[in-house]
Every structure is written in structure tokens, then in C-alpha cells.
Amino acid sequence: MRRVQLDEYMRNLKPRAAKVHMVSSARWGRPLPRCRPRNPTEESILTYLDCRRWQKALAEGQLVKLGFRRYRLNV
């Protein structure tokens, strides 16, 4: 089996990965991810909305709880 040094592998992979990311995001017309952290108000509102969406999916049967931290998606 061929041995690979992790530092060397990451050094070679990083420029290619960045290029692939830029090309794919440009091709699909989506903006790049946010670099600025969210303010506390925005973060709390988004967390609240996400919790409500999760509860609604459970109530409507789109998600089924199988156990502790285990869910199944019914689509």
C-alpha cells in the first residue's frame, strides 16, 4: 500500500478544492457561504424557526423518531 504524508496531501489538495468550489458555486448561480458571523438576534431567530420547522415535520409525520438522536425521513 502506498504511504502518503497528510501535510503534503493537504497542501496539494487545497488549491484544487478551492478551484472546484468556486467553479461549482459559479455554475449553479449560488453565492459563496457567509464569511461574516451572524449577530445574536439573527441567530436566535433562525434557531427558533428551525426548531418550529422540526416540530412541524414531526407532527405531520414527515419525520419519525426511531430512538435517541435517530430519525427517519418519510417523504
Protein backbone atom coordinates (compact mmCIF):
# COMPACT_ATOMS: atom_id res chain seq x y z
CA MET A 1 0.00 0.00 0.00
CA ARG A 2 1.27 3.45 -0.88
CA ARG A 3 2.06 5.75 2.06
CA VAL A 4 1.01 9.38 1.86
CA GLN A 5 2.06 12.23 4.11
CA LEU A 6 -1.04 14.09 5.27
CA ASP A 7 0.59 17.54 5.20
CA GLU A 8 1.80 17.06 1.64
CA TYR A 9 -1.57 15.68 0.56
CA MET A 10 -3.47 18.63 2.07
CA ARG A 11 -1.02 21.12 0.56
CA ASN A 12 -1.67 19.63 -2.90
CA LEU A 13 -5.41 19.26 -2.40
CA LYS A 14 -6.25 22.74 -1.07
CA PRO A 15 -5.77 24.78 -4.29
CA ARG A 16 -7.70 22.24 -6.36
CA ALA A 17 -10.53 22.07 -3.84
CA ALA A 18 -10.85 25.85 -3.76
CA LYS A 19 -10.98 25.98 -7.55
CA VAL A 20 -13.64 23.25 -7.74
CA HIS A 21 -15.69 25.05 -5.10
CA MET A 22 -15.52 28.37 -6.95
CA VAL A 23 -16.42 26.79 -10.30
CA SER A 24 -19.32 24.76 -8.92
CA SER A 25 -20.82 27.68 -7.00
CA ALA A 26 -20.48 29.95 -10.03
CA ARG A 27 -22.05 27.36 -12.30
CA TRP A 28 -25.10 26.84 -10.11
CA GLY A 29 -25.57 30.56 -9.55
CA ARG A 30 -25.38 30.31 -5.77
CA PRO A 31 -23.35 32.76 -3.73
CA LEU A 32 -20.45 31.57 -1.67
CA PRO A 33 -21.14 30.81 2.01
CA ARG A 34 -21.17 33.64 4.52
CA CYS A 35 -17.85 34.72 5.98
CA ARG A 36 -19.34 37.12 8.50
CA PRO A 37 -20.68 35.63 11.73
CA ARG A 38 -24.36 36.15 12.44
CA ASN A 39 -25.44 38.62 15.09
CA PRO A 40 -27.08 37.14 18.22
CA THR A 41 -30.60 38.30 17.30
CA GLU A 42 -30.45 36.79 13.84
CA GLU A 43 -29.00 33.58 15.22
CA SER A 44 -31.74 33.21 17.85
CA ILE A 45 -34.50 33.88 15.29
CA LEU A 46 -33.08 31.31 12.86
CA THR A 47 -32.70 28.75 15.67
CA TYR A 48 -36.33 29.34 16.71
CA LEU A 49 -37.58 28.94 13.13
CA ASP A 50 -35.54 25.76 12.69
CA CYS A 51 -36.98 24.26 15.89
CA ARG A 52 -40.51 25.11 14.74
CA ARG A 53 -39.87 23.53 11.33
CA TRP A 54 -38.54 20.37 13.03
CA GLN A 55 -41.57 20.16 15.36
CA LYS A 56 -43.96 20.66 12.44
CA ALA A 57 -42.28 17.87 10.46
CA LEU A 58 -42.61 15.54 13.45
CA ALA A 59 -46.27 16.48 13.95
CA GLU A 60 -47.14 15.98 10.27
CA GLY A 61 -45.35 12.62 10.09
CA GLN A 62 -42.64 13.74 7.69
CA LEU A 63 -40.09 12.72 10.34
CA VAL A 64 -40.37 9.64 12.53
CA LYS A 65 -38.38 9.37 15.75
CA LEU A 66 -36.71 5.96 15.93
CA GLY A 67 -34.72 6.47 19.10
CA PHE A 68 -32.34 8.80 20.84
CA ARG A 69 -30.92 11.06 18.07
CA ARG A 70 -32.29 8.71 15.40
CA TYR A 71 -34.91 9.82 12.90
CA ARG A 72 -36.30 8.58 9.61
CA LEU A 73 -37.47 10.89 6.83
CA ASN A 74 -40.84 9.96 5.31
CA VAL A 75 -41.18 11.71 2.01
